[in-house]
Amino acid sequence: MSLMRLAYASEATFEAKPVEKGVEPHVARILMTSRKNNAKDHLVGGLYYGNDRFFQYLEGDEDAVRRTYDRILKDERHRNVVTLIEEPLSSRTFSNWSMKYVPLSRDVRKFLDEQGLESFEPSSFTSDQCEKMIELIRNSSQDQNLGRRDDRKSVGDAPQVLSSGMKVGLIVAGLVLVGALVIGGTML
């Protein structure tokens, strides 16, 4: 079995929708399908989506990587696909990820700033920038579960799930239930 690695850049053909759970909905569907297919084919790698563009890195068995890339080339959600890296690999470097996703984060913004890039345009990355982007994805501690995980430091900063009106309603309902149990208990 010969291993290979491949990185490509492409432009999204879809119009980005409002972000749900920290991930654009089209991208979330791509990730869920990729994770399932990649796990089956023993492929690993990472994906970054920003500025309506994709940067994806794959590694694994050469035949599986090529089949996956052929599917991507035919996928209507991608256009202007550019191969950035395509070469043999001696051993895996993403051993635990079928498709790691890195959302817009301080790491990516810092990478762009360090490279003197005003926006995310991976099709124009140099070889060195590709390697740095792959390393960023590999080392990122950001979201891998399609949920939102940004730079929050404490649980107290988490988004509120219940509105204050819902909280009041639940408290009132609880008090009514306790009252009913008390009254029902005295009737026995």
N, C-alpha and C. Protein backbone atom coordinates (compact mmCIF):
# COMPACT_ATOMS: atom_id res chain seq x y z
N MET A 1 0.84 -1.18 0.00
CA MET A 1 0.00 0.00 0.00
C MET A 1 0.89 1.24 0.00
N SER A 2 0.75 2.08 -1.02
CA SER A 2 1.54 3.31 -1.05
C SER A 2 0.68 4.48 -0.55
N LEU A 3 1.29 5.26 0.31
CA LEU A 3 0.60 6.42 0.86
C LEU A 3 0.90 7.66 0.03
N MET A 4 -0.04 8.58 0.04
CA MET A 4 0.19 9.86 -0.62
C MET A 4 -0.53 10.95 0.14
N ARG A 5 -0.14 12.18 -0.16
CA ARG A 5 -0.83 13.34 0.41
C ARG A 5 -1.21 14.26 -0.73
N LEU A 6 -2.32 14.96 -0.52
CA LEU A 6 -2.84 15.84 -1.54
C LEU A 6 -3.50 17.04 -0.86
N ALA A 7 -3.22 18.22 -1.35
CA ALA A 7 -3.90 19.43 -0.88
C ALA A 7 -4.43 20.15 -2.10
N TYR A 8 -5.61 20.69 -1.95
CA TYR A 8 -6.18 21.46 -3.06
C TYR A 8 -6.90 22.68 -2.51
N ALA A 9 -7.16 23.62 -3.42
CA ALA A 9 -7.96 24.79 -3.12
C ALA A 9 -9.09 24.83 -4.13
N SER A 10 -10.23 25.36 -3.71
CA SER A 10 -11.35 25.52 -4.63
C SER A 10 -12.23 26.67 -4.15
N GLU A 11 -13.12 27.08 -5.03
CA GLU A 11 -14.10 28.10 -4.69
C GLU A 11 -15.45 27.42 -4.52
N ALA A 12 -16.23 27.89 -3.56
CA ALA A 12 -17.56 27.34 -3.35
C ALA A 12 -18.50 27.87 -4.43
N THR A 13 -19.37 27.02 -4.94
CA THR A 13 -20.35 27.45 -5.93
C THR A 13 -21.65 27.87 -5.26
N PHE A 14 -21.83 27.50 -4.00
CA PHE A 14 -23.06 27.83 -3.29
C PHE A 14 -22.98 29.22 -2.65
N GLU A 15 -24.13 29.79 -2.44
CA GLU A 15 -24.19 31.06 -1.73
C GLU A 15 -24.21 30.74 -0.24
N ALA A 16 -23.25 31.27 0.49
CA ALA A 16 -23.15 30.96 1.92
C ALA A 16 -24.43 31.37 2.64
N LYS A 17 -24.86 30.50 3.53
CA LYS A 17 -26.06 30.76 4.34
C LYS A 17 -25.61 31.14 5.74
N PRO A 18 -26.54 31.66 6.55
CA PRO A 18 -26.17 32.00 7.93
C PRO A 18 -25.61 30.77 8.65
N VAL A 19 -24.61 31.01 9.45
CA VAL A 19 -23.91 29.93 10.15
C VAL A 19 -24.81 29.32 11.21
N GLU A 20 -24.83 27.98 11.23
CA GLU A 20 -25.55 27.22 12.26
C GLU A 20 -24.52 26.41 13.02
N LYS A 21 -24.55 26.49 14.33
CA LYS A 21 -23.62 25.73 15.17
C LYS A 21 -22.17 26.01 14.80
N GLY A 22 -21.88 27.23 14.33
CA GLY A 22 -20.52 27.61 14.03
C GLY A 22 -20.01 27.16 12.68
N VAL A 23 -20.84 26.49 11.87
CA VAL A 23 -20.42 25.97 10.57
C VAL A 23 -21.47 26.33 9.52
N GLU A 24 -21.02 26.82 8.38
CA GLU A 24 -21.94 27.11 7.27
C GLU A 24 -22.64 25.80 6.91
N PRO A 25 -23.98 25.80 6.70
CA PRO A 25 -24.73 24.55 6.50
C PRO A 25 -24.23 23.67 5.34
N HIS A 26 -23.87 24.26 4.21
CA HIS A 26 -23.34 23.45 3.10
C HIS A 26 -22.04 22.76 3.52
N VAL A 27 -21.20 23.50 4.22
CA VAL A 27 -19.91 22.96 4.68
C VAL A 27 -20.16 21.84 5.69
N ALA A 28 -21.15 22.03 6.55
CA ALA A 28 -21.48 20.99 7.54
C ALA A 28 -21.86 19.69 6.84
N ARG A 29 -22.65 19.78 5.76
CA ARG A 29 -23.03 18.57 5.02
C ARG A 29 -21.80 17.93 4.35
N ILE A 30 -20.94 18.76 3.80
CA ILE A 30 -19.71 18.24 3.19
C ILE A 30 -18.88 17.51 4.24
N LEU A 31 -18.75 18.11 5.42
CA LEU A 31 -17.96 17.50 6.48
C LEU A 31 -18.54 16.17 6.94
N MET A 32 -19.85 16.11 7.13
CA MET A 32 -20.46 14.86 7.60
C MET A 32 -20.26 13.75 6.58
N THR A 33 -20.44 14.06 5.30
CA THR A 33 -20.23 13.05 4.25
C THR A 33 -18.77 12.66 4.17
N SER A 34 -17.87 13.66 4.21
CA SER A 34 -16.43 13.39 4.13
C SER A 34 -15.98 12.51 5.28
N ARG A 35 -16.44 12.81 6.47
CA ARG A 35 -16.02 12.02 7.64
C ARG A 35 -16.45 10.57 7.50
N LYS A 36 -17.66 10.36 7.02
CA LYS A 36 -18.15 8.98 6.83
C LYS A 36 -17.34 8.27 5.75
N ASN A 37 -17.20 8.90 4.59
CA ASN A 37 -16.46 8.28 3.48
C ASN A 37 -14.98 8.10 3.80
N ASN A 38 -14.38 9.10 4.41
CA ASN A 38 -12.95 9.01 4.71
C ASN A 38 -12.65 7.94 5.74
N ALA A 39 -13.52 7.79 6.73
CA ALA A 39 -13.32 6.74 7.73
C ALA A 39 -13.38 5.37 7.05
N LYS A 40 -14.32 5.21 6.14
CA LYS A 40 -14.46 3.95 5.41
C LYS A 40 -13.22 3.66 4.57
N ASP A 41 -12.63 4.70 3.98
CA ASP A 41 -11.45 4.55 3.11
C ASP A 41 -10.13 4.74 3.85
N HIS A 42 -10.19 4.93 5.16
CA HIS A 42 -9.00 5.14 6.00
C HIS A 42 -8.20 6.36 5.56
N LEU A 43 -8.91 7.41 5.13
CA LEU A 43 -8.26 8.68 4.79
C LEU A 43 -8.31 9.60 5.98
N VAL A 44 -7.31 10.46 6.09
CA VAL A 44 -7.26 11.45 7.15
C VAL A 44 -6.91 12.80 6.54
N GLY A 45 -7.18 13.85 7.29
CA GLY A 45 -6.83 15.17 6.80
C GLY A 45 -7.63 16.27 7.46
N GLY A 46 -7.69 17.40 6.79
CA GLY A 46 -8.36 18.55 7.37
C GLY A 46 -8.91 19.47 6.32
N LEU A 47 -9.86 20.31 6.75
CA LEU A 47 -10.55 21.23 5.85
C LEU A 47 -10.66 22.59 6.51
N TYR A 48 -10.45 23.62 5.71
CA TYR A 48 -10.73 24.98 6.15
C TYR A 48 -11.57 25.64 5.07
N TYR A 49 -12.63 26.34 5.50
CA TYR A 49 -13.50 27.08 4.60
C TYR A 49 -13.57 28.51 5.09
N GLY A 50 -13.29 29.44 4.20
CA GLY A 50 -13.39 30.85 4.53
C GLY A 50 -13.34 31.66 3.25
N ASN A 51 -13.97 32.83 3.27
CA ASN A 51 -13.96 33.72 2.11
C ASN A 51 -14.50 32.99 0.86
N ASP A 52 -15.48 32.10 1.08
CA ASP A 52 -16.09 31.30 0.00
C ASP A 52 -15.09 30.39 -0.70
N ARG A 53 -14.04 30.00 0.03
CA ARG A 53 -13.00 29.14 -0.54
C ARG A 53 -12.69 27.99 0.40
N PHE A 54 -12.25 26.90 -0.21
CA PHE A 54 -11.85 25.71 0.54
C PHE A 54 -10.35 25.50 0.43
N PHE A 55 -9.78 25.03 1.53
CA PHE A 55 -8.43 24.45 1.52
C PHE A 55 -8.61 23.11 2.18
N GLN A 56 -8.26 22.04 1.48
CA GLN A 56 -8.41 20.71 2.05
C GLN A 56 -7.13 19.93 1.86
N TYR A 57 -6.82 19.15 2.89
CA TYR A 57 -5.63 18.30 2.88
C TYR A 57 -6.09 16.88 3.13
N LEU A 58 -5.61 15.94 2.31
CA LEU A 58 -5.93 14.52 2.45
C LEU A 58 -4.65 13.71 2.47
N GLU A 59 -4.66 12.63 3.24
CA GLU A 59 -3.57 11.67 3.17
C GLU A 59 -4.10 10.28 3.43
N GLY A 60 -3.46 9.30 2.80
CA GLY A 60 -3.89 7.91 2.95
C GLY A 60 -3.42 7.09 1.76
N ASP A 61 -4.05 5.95 1.58
CA ASP A 61 -3.73 5.07 0.46
C ASP A 61 -3.92 5.85 -0.84
N GLU A 62 -2.95 5.73 -1.74
CA GLU A 62 -2.97 6.51 -2.98
C GLU A 62 -4.26 6.33 -3.77
N ASP A 63 -4.73 5.09 -3.92
CA ASP A 63 -5.96 4.86 -4.69
C ASP A 63 -7.16 5.55 -4.04
N ALA A 64 -7.25 5.47 -2.72
CA ALA A 64 -8.37 6.10 -2.01
C ALA A 64 -8.31 7.62 -2.12
N VAL A 65 -7.12 8.19 -2.00
CA VAL A 65 -6.97 9.64 -2.13
C VAL A 65 -7.39 10.07 -3.54
N ARG A 66 -6.95 9.36 -4.54
CA ARG A 66 -7.28 9.72 -5.93
C ARG A 66 -8.78 9.57 -6.21
N ARG A 67 -9.41 8.52 -5.70
CA ARG A 67 -10.87 8.35 -5.87
C ARG A 67 -11.62 9.51 -5.21
N THR A 68 -11.18 9.87 -4.01
CA THR A 68 -11.83 10.97 -3.29
C THR A 68 -11.65 12.28 -4.05
N TYR A 69 -10.46 12.52 -4.53
CA TYR A 69 -10.20 13.76 -5.27
C TYR A 69 -11.00 13.80 -6.57
N ASP A 70 -11.15 12.66 -7.23
CA ASP A 70 -11.98 12.60 -8.44
C ASP A 70 -13.42 12.98 -8.12
N ARG A 71 -13.94 12.51 -6.98
CA ARG A 71 -15.31 12.89 -6.56
C ARG A 71 -15.39 14.39 -6.32
N ILE A 72 -14.37 14.95 -5.69
CA ILE A 72 -14.36 16.40 -5.40
C ILE A 72 -14.34 17.19 -6.71
N LEU A 73 -13.55 16.74 -7.67
CA LEU A 73 -13.47 17.44 -8.95
C LEU A 73 -14.82 17.46 -9.67
N LYS A 74 -15.64 16.44 -9.44
CA LYS A 74 -16.97 16.35 -10.08
C LYS A 74 -18.07 16.99 -9.22
N ASP A 75 -17.77 17.34 -7.99
CA ASP A 75 -18.76 17.87 -7.05
C ASP A 75 -19.16 19.29 -7.47
N GLU A 76 -20.44 19.50 -7.66
CA GLU A 76 -20.95 20.79 -8.12
C GLU A 76 -20.78 21.92 -7.10
N ARG A 77 -20.41 21.59 -5.89
CA ARG A 77 -20.21 22.63 -4.86
C ARG A 77 -18.83 23.26 -4.95
N HIS A 78 -17.97 22.73 -5.83
CA HIS A 78 -16.61 23.24 -6.02
C HIS A 78 -16.42 23.71 -7.46
N ARG A 79 -15.66 24.78 -7.63
CA ARG A 79 -15.23 25.21 -8.96
C ARG A 79 -13.81 25.75 -8.83
N ASN A 80 -13.15 25.86 -9.97
CA ASN A 80 -11.78 26.36 -9.99
C ASN A 80 -10.89 25.60 -8.99
N VAL A 81 -10.96 24.28 -9.07
CA VAL A 81 -10.18 23.42 -8.18
C VAL A 81 -8.72 23.44 -8.65
N VAL A 82 -7.83 23.71 -7.70
CA VAL A 82 -6.40 23.80 -7.99
C VAL A 82 -5.66 22.82 -7.08
N THR A 83 -4.88 21.91 -7.68
CA THR A 83 -4.06 20.99 -6.90
C THR A 83 -2.84 21.76 -6.40
N LEU A 84 -2.63 21.76 -5.10
CA LEU A 84 -1.52 22.48 -4.49
C LEU A 84 -0.35 21.56 -4.15
N ILE A 85 -0.67 20.36 -3.66
CA ILE A 85 0.34 19.37 -3.29
C ILE A 85 -0.19 18.01 -3.73
N GLU A 86 0.64 17.21 -4.34
CA GLU A 86 0.30 15.84 -4.71
C GLU A 86 1.61 15.07 -4.76
N GLU A 87 1.85 14.27 -3.69
CA GLU A 87 3.14 13.57 -3.61
C GLU A 87 3.06 12.37 -2.68
N PRO A 88 4.03 11.46 -2.83
CA PRO A 88 4.09 10.30 -1.94
C PRO A 88 4.31 10.73 -0.50
N LEU A 89 3.90 9.87 0.41
CA LEU A 89 4.02 10.13 1.84
C LEU A 89 4.57 8.88 2.51
N SER A 90 5.56 9.04 3.38
CA SER A 90 6.16 7.86 4.02
C SER A 90 5.34 7.36 5.20
N SER A 91 4.68 8.26 5.94
CA SER A 91 3.82 7.84 7.06
C SER A 91 2.77 8.92 7.30
N ARG A 92 1.68 8.51 7.94
CA ARG A 92 0.57 9.43 8.20
C ARG A 92 0.96 10.49 9.23
N THR A 93 0.39 11.68 9.06
CA THR A 93 0.63 12.76 10.02
C THR A 93 -0.65 13.20 10.71
N PHE A 94 -1.81 12.77 10.20
CA PHE A 94 -3.12 13.08 10.79
C PHE A 94 -3.76 11.77 11.24
N SER A 95 -3.12 11.03 12.07
CA SER A 95 -3.58 9.68 12.38
C SER A 95 -4.98 9.58 12.99
N ASN A 96 -5.48 10.63 13.60
CA ASN A 96 -6.75 10.50 14.32
C ASN A 96 -7.94 11.22 13.69
N TRP A 97 -7.82 11.78 12.52
CA TRP A 97 -8.92 12.58 11.96
C TRP A 97 -9.32 12.08 10.59
N SER A 98 -10.61 11.70 10.45
CA SER A 98 -11.09 11.36 9.12
C SER A 98 -11.32 12.63 8.31
N MET A 99 -11.64 13.74 8.97
CA MET A 99 -11.70 15.05 8.33
C MET A 99 -11.84 16.09 9.42
N LYS A 100 -10.73 16.64 9.82
CA LYS A 100 -10.72 17.67 10.85
C LYS A 100 -11.17 18.98 10.22
N TYR A 101 -12.01 19.72 10.93
CA TYR A 101 -12.48 21.00 10.44
C TYR A 101 -11.98 22.10 11.35
N VAL A 102 -11.46 23.14 10.75
CA VAL A 102 -10.99 24.30 11.51
C VAL A 102 -11.86 25.49 11.11
N PRO A 103 -12.65 26.01 12.03
CA PRO A 103 -13.45 27.19 11.71
C PRO A 103 -12.58 28.44 11.73
N LEU A 104 -13.14 29.54 11.27
CA LEU A 104 -12.41 30.80 11.33
C LEU A 104 -11.96 31.00 12.77
N SER A 105 -10.71 31.18 12.96
CA SER A 105 -10.18 31.29 14.31
C SER A 105 -9.03 32.28 14.33
N ARG A 106 -8.60 32.57 15.54
CA ARG A 106 -7.45 33.46 15.68
C ARG A 106 -6.22 32.87 15.00
N ASP A 107 -6.10 31.54 15.01
CA ASP A 107 -4.95 30.89 14.38
C ASP A 107 -4.88 31.20 12.88
N VAL A 108 -6.02 31.12 12.22
CA VAL A 108 -6.05 31.37 10.77
C VAL A 108 -5.81 32.86 10.51
N ARG A 109 -6.44 33.72 11.30
CA ARG A 109 -6.23 35.16 11.13
C ARG A 109 -4.75 35.51 11.34
N LYS A 110 -4.14 34.88 12.35
CA LYS A 110 -2.72 35.11 12.63
C LYS A 110 -1.87 34.62 11.45
N PHE A 111 -2.19 33.45 10.91
CA PHE A 111 -1.49 32.91 9.75
C PHE A 111 -1.57 33.90 8.58
N LEU A 112 -2.76 34.40 8.28
CA LEU A 112 -2.92 35.35 7.18
C LEU A 112 -2.11 36.62 7.43
N ASP A 113 -2.16 37.12 8.66
CA ASP A 113 -1.38 38.33 9.00
C ASP A 113 0.12 38.08 8.84
N GLU A 114 0.60 36.95 9.36
CA GLU A 114 2.03 36.62 9.27
C GLU A 114 2.49 36.49 7.82
N GLN A 115 1.59 36.02 6.96
CA GLN A 115 1.94 35.82 5.55
C GLN A 115 1.70 37.08 4.72
N GLY A 116 1.19 38.13 5.36
CA GLY A 116 0.91 39.37 4.64
C GLY A 116 -0.27 39.25 3.68
N LEU A 117 -1.20 38.35 4.01
CA LEU A 117 -2.37 38.12 3.16
C LEU A 117 -3.58 38.85 3.74
N GLU A 118 -4.27 39.58 2.89
CA GLU A 118 -5.44 40.32 3.36
C GLU A 118 -6.68 39.44 3.44
N SER A 119 -6.74 38.41 2.61
CA SER A 119 -7.90 37.52 2.64
C SER A 119 -7.45 36.09 2.35
N PHE A 120 -8.35 35.17 2.61
CA PHE A 120 -8.06 33.75 2.43
C PHE A 120 -8.22 33.40 0.95
N GLU A 121 -7.11 33.23 0.24
CA GLU A 121 -7.06 32.89 -1.18
C GLU A 121 -6.11 31.71 -1.37
N PRO A 122 -6.50 30.50 -0.95
CA PRO A 122 -5.55 29.38 -0.94
C PRO A 122 -5.04 28.97 -2.31
N SER A 123 -5.75 29.28 -3.37
CA SER A 123 -5.26 28.88 -4.70
C SER A 123 -3.96 29.61 -5.06
N SER A 124 -3.68 30.70 -4.36
CA SER A 124 -2.43 31.42 -4.64
C SER A 124 -1.35 31.17 -3.57
N PHE A 125 -1.59 30.20 -2.68
CA PHE A 125 -0.60 29.87 -1.66
C PHE A 125 0.69 29.36 -2.30
N THR A 126 1.81 29.75 -1.72
CA THR A 126 3.09 29.17 -2.09
C THR A 126 3.19 27.79 -1.43
N SER A 127 4.20 27.03 -1.80
CA SER A 127 4.43 25.73 -1.19
C SER A 127 4.61 25.86 0.32
N ASP A 128 5.37 26.85 0.73
CA ASP A 128 5.61 27.10 2.16
C ASP A 128 4.31 27.46 2.88
N GLN A 129 3.47 28.27 2.26
CA GLN A 129 2.19 28.64 2.88
C GLN A 129 1.27 27.43 2.99
N CYS A 130 1.29 26.56 1.99
CA CYS A 130 0.51 25.31 2.08
C CYS A 130 0.95 24.48 3.27
N GLU A 131 2.26 24.32 3.42
CA GLU A 131 2.78 23.53 4.54
C GLU A 131 2.38 24.16 5.88
N LYS A 132 2.45 25.46 5.97
CA LYS A 132 2.06 26.15 7.21
C LYS A 132 0.57 26.01 7.47
N MET A 133 -0.25 26.05 6.43
CA MET A 133 -1.69 25.87 6.60
C MET A 133 -2.00 24.44 7.05
N ILE A 134 -1.31 23.47 6.49
CA ILE A 134 -1.50 22.08 6.91
C ILE A 134 -1.11 21.92 8.37
N GLU A 135 -0.01 22.50 8.76
CA GLU A 135 0.44 22.44 10.15
C GLU A 135 -0.57 23.12 11.07
N LEU A 136 -1.12 24.24 10.64
CA LEU A 136 -2.14 24.94 11.43
C LEU A 136 -3.35 24.03 11.65
N ILE A 137 -3.81 23.40 10.59
CA ILE A 137 -4.96 22.49 10.70
C ILE A 137 -4.61 21.32 11.62
N ARG A 138 -3.45 20.75 11.43
CA ARG A 138 -3.02 19.59 12.23
C ARG A 138 -2.99 19.94 13.72
N ASN A 139 -2.50 21.12 14.05
CA ASN A 139 -2.31 21.50 15.45
C ASN A 139 -3.46 22.28 16.06
N SER A 140 -4.45 22.61 15.28
CA SER A 140 -5.55 23.42 15.79
C SER A 140 -6.33 22.67 16.87
N SER A 141 -6.70 23.42 17.88
CA SER A 141 -7.54 22.83 18.94
C SER A 141 -8.98 23.25 18.74
N GLN A 142 -9.28 23.83 17.60
CA GLN A 142 -10.62 24.32 17.33
C GLN A 142 -11.57 23.17 17.04
N ASP A 143 -12.76 23.53 16.64
CA ASP A 143 -13.90 22.64 16.45
C ASP A 143 -13.61 21.42 15.58
N GLN A 144 -13.98 20.27 16.12
CA GLN A 144 -13.95 19.06 15.32
C GLN A 144 -15.32 18.39 15.30
N ASN A 145 -16.31 18.95 15.98
CA ASN A 145 -17.60 18.29 16.14
C ASN A 145 -18.75 19.04 15.51
N LEU A 146 -18.50 19.94 14.61
CA LEU A 146 -19.52 20.74 13.95
C LEU A 146 -20.29 21.62 14.91
N GLY A 147 -19.84 21.73 16.13
CA GLY A 147 -20.44 22.64 17.09
C GLY A 147 -19.59 23.87 17.18
N ARG A 148 -20.11 24.91 17.79
CA ARG A 148 -19.34 26.15 17.87
C ARG A 148 -18.40 26.07 19.06
N ARG A 149 -17.11 26.26 18.77
CA ARG A 149 -16.11 26.32 19.83
C ARG A 149 -15.14 27.41 19.41
N ASP A 150 -15.37 28.61 19.92
CA ASP A 150 -14.45 29.67 19.55
C ASP A 150 -13.52 29.95 20.70
N ASP A 151 -13.14 31.18 20.90
CA ASP A 151 -12.12 31.49 21.89
C ASP A 151 -12.67 31.77 23.28
N ARG A 152 -13.81 31.22 23.62
CA ARG A 152 -14.37 31.42 24.96
C ARG A 152 -13.46 30.76 25.99
N LYS A 153 -13.33 31.44 27.14
CA LYS A 153 -12.43 30.93 28.16
C LYS A 153 -13.17 30.23 29.30
N SER A 154 -14.42 30.58 29.52
CA SER A 154 -15.10 29.98 30.66
C SER A 154 -16.51 29.57 30.30
N VAL A 155 -17.06 28.67 31.10
CA VAL A 155 -18.41 28.20 30.89
C VAL A 155 -19.40 29.35 31.01
N GLY A 156 -19.12 30.31 31.86
CA GLY A 156 -20.02 31.44 32.05
C GLY A 156 -20.19 32.27 30.78
N ASP A 157 -19.27 32.14 29.84
CA ASP A 157 -19.38 32.88 28.59
C ASP A 157 -20.20 32.14 27.54
N ALA A 158 -20.66 30.93 27.87
CA ALA A 158 -21.40 30.13 26.90
C ALA A 158 -22.72 30.80 26.56
N PRO A 159 -23.22 30.58 25.34
CA PRO A 159 -24.48 31.18 24.94
C PRO A 159 -25.63 30.64 25.79
N GLN A 160 -26.59 31.48 26.06
CA GLN A 160 -27.74 31.09 26.85
C GLN A 160 -28.69 30.26 25.99
N VAL A 161 -29.11 29.10 26.51
CA VAL A 161 -30.00 28.23 25.78
C VAL A 161 -31.45 28.63 26.02
N LEU A 162 -31.77 29.04 27.26
CA LEU A 162 -33.13 29.44 27.61
C LEU A 162 -33.21 30.94 27.77
N SER A 163 -34.28 31.52 27.24
CA SER A 163 -34.49 32.95 27.43
C SER A 163 -34.96 33.18 28.87
N SER A 164 -34.88 34.42 29.33
CA SER A 164 -35.31 34.70 30.70
C SER A 164 -36.79 34.40 30.87
N GLY A 165 -37.61 34.62 29.83
CA GLY A 165 -39.05 34.30 29.90
C GLY A 165 -39.28 32.80 30.08
N MET A 166 -38.48 31.99 29.38
CA MET A 166 -38.61 30.54 29.52
C MET A 166 -38.20 30.09 30.92
N LYS A 167 -37.16 30.72 31.46
CA LYS A 167 -36.73 30.38 32.82
C LYS A 167 -37.83 30.68 33.82
N VAL A 168 -38.44 31.86 33.72
CA VAL A 168 -39.53 32.23 34.63
C VAL A 168 -40.67 31.24 34.49
N GLY A 169 -41.03 30.90 33.25
CA GLY A 169 -42.11 29.94 33.00
C GLY A 169 -41.82 28.59 33.63
N LEU A 170 -40.59 28.11 33.53
CA LEU A 170 -40.22 26.83 34.13
C LEU A 170 -40.27 26.89 35.66
N ILE A 171 -39.85 28.00 36.22
CA ILE A 171 -39.90 28.15 37.68
C ILE A 171 -41.35 28.15 38.16
N VAL A 172 -42.21 28.91 37.47
CA VAL A 172 -43.64 28.95 37.84
C VAL A 172 -44.25 27.56 37.71
N ALA A 173 -43.97 26.87 36.63
CA ALA A 173 -44.50 25.52 36.45
C ALA A 173 -44.03 24.59 37.56
N GLY A 174 -42.77 24.71 37.94
CA GLY A 174 -42.25 23.89 39.04
C GLY A 174 -42.94 24.18 40.35
N LEU A 175 -43.18 25.45 40.64
CA LEU A 175 -43.87 25.83 41.87
C LEU A 175 -45.30 25.32 41.88
N VAL A 176 -45.99 25.39 40.74
CA VAL A 176 -47.36 24.86 40.64
C VAL A 176 -47.35 23.36 40.88
N LEU A 177 -46.39 22.67 40.32
CA LEU A 177 -46.30 21.22 40.50
C LEU A 177 -46.04 20.87 41.96
N VAL A 178 -45.12 21.58 42.61
CA VAL A 178 -44.85 21.33 44.03
C VAL A 178 -46.09 21.61 44.86
N GLY A 179 -46.78 22.71 44.56
CA GLY A 179 -48.02 23.04 45.28
C GLY A 179 -49.07 21.96 45.11
N ALA A 180 -49.22 21.45 43.89
CA ALA A 180 -50.19 20.38 43.64
C ALA A 180 -49.83 19.12 44.41
N LEU A 181 -48.55 18.80 44.50
CA LEU A 181 -48.12 17.62 45.26
C LEU A 181 -48.39 17.79 46.75
N VAL A 182 -48.14 18.99 47.25
CA VAL A 182 -48.38 19.27 48.67
C VAL A 182 -49.87 19.14 48.98
N ILE A 183 -50.70 19.76 48.15
CA ILE A 183 -52.15 19.71 48.38
C ILE A 183 -52.64 18.29 48.21
N GLY A 184 -52.16 17.58 47.19
CA GLY A 184 -52.57 16.19 46.98
C GLY A 184 -52.14 15.31 48.14
N GLY A 185 -50.99 15.58 48.73
CA GLY A 185 -50.50 14.79 49.85
C GLY A 185 -51.31 15.00 51.12
N THR A 186 -51.84 16.18 51.32
CA THR A 186 -52.66 16.45 52.52
C THR A 186 -54.04 15.84 52.40
N MET A 187 -54.49 15.51 51.21
CA MET A 187 -55.81 14.92 51.02
C MET A 187 -55.80 13.41 51.28
N LEU A 188 -54.66 12.83 51.38
CA LEU A 188 -54.60 11.37 51.60
C LEU A 188 -54.85 11.04 52.98
